[in-house]
Amino acid sequence: MLHPLSLGITMIVAILVAAAVEFAAFRKARIPTIIPASN
């Protein structure tokens, strides 16, 4: 069984990794995420 603390840390790490990936993609694309991509 997983401890609540380890589960919370895992969730936080996953969120940080996802945020880092989105931030890197945002810097690479240089496209504002506020504007919808629906043409």
Protein backbone atom coordinates (compact mmCIF):
# COMPACT_ATOMS: atom_id res chain seq x y z
CA MET A 1 0.00 0.00 0.00
CA LEU A 2 1.12 3.53 -0.72
CA HIS A 3 1.39 6.05 2.06
CA PRO A 4 -0.71 9.22 1.65
CA LEU A 5 2.47 11.30 1.82
CA SER A 6 4.20 9.38 -0.96
CA LEU A 7 1.01 9.52 -3.03
CA GLY A 8 0.78 13.28 -2.54
CA ILE A 9 4.44 13.74 -3.45
CA THR A 10 3.94 11.63 -6.56
CA MET A 11 0.94 13.75 -7.60
CA ILE A 12 2.86 16.98 -6.98
CA VAL A 13 5.83 15.73 -8.99
CA ALA A 14 3.53 14.67 -11.84
CA ILE A 15 1.88 18.11 -11.85
CA LEU A 16 5.26 19.86 -11.84
CA VAL A 17 6.53 17.69 -14.70
CA ALA A 18 3.37 18.36 -16.73
CA ALA A 19 3.68 22.10 -16.05
CA ALA A 20 7.36 22.05 -17.07
CA VAL A 21 6.52 20.24 -20.31
CA GLU A 22 3.73 22.69 -21.13
CA PHE A 23 5.99 25.64 -20.28
CA ALA A 24 8.77 24.28 -22.51
CA ALA A 25 6.29 23.71 -25.35
CA PHE A 26 4.90 27.22 -24.80
CA ARG A 27 8.38 28.78 -25.04
CA LYS A 28 9.20 26.70 -28.11
CA ALA A 29 5.95 27.45 -29.95
CA ARG A 30 5.68 31.08 -28.74
CA ILE A 31 1.90 30.87 -29.15
CA PRO A 32 -0.35 32.36 -26.43
CA THR A 33 -2.40 29.60 -24.82
CA ILE A 34 -5.21 32.07 -24.11
CA ILE A 35 -6.17 32.24 -27.80
CA PRO A 36 -8.18 29.15 -28.84
CA ALA A 37 -6.69 27.15 -31.71
CA SER A 38 -10.07 26.66 -33.38
CA ASN A 39 -9.99 27.99 -36.92
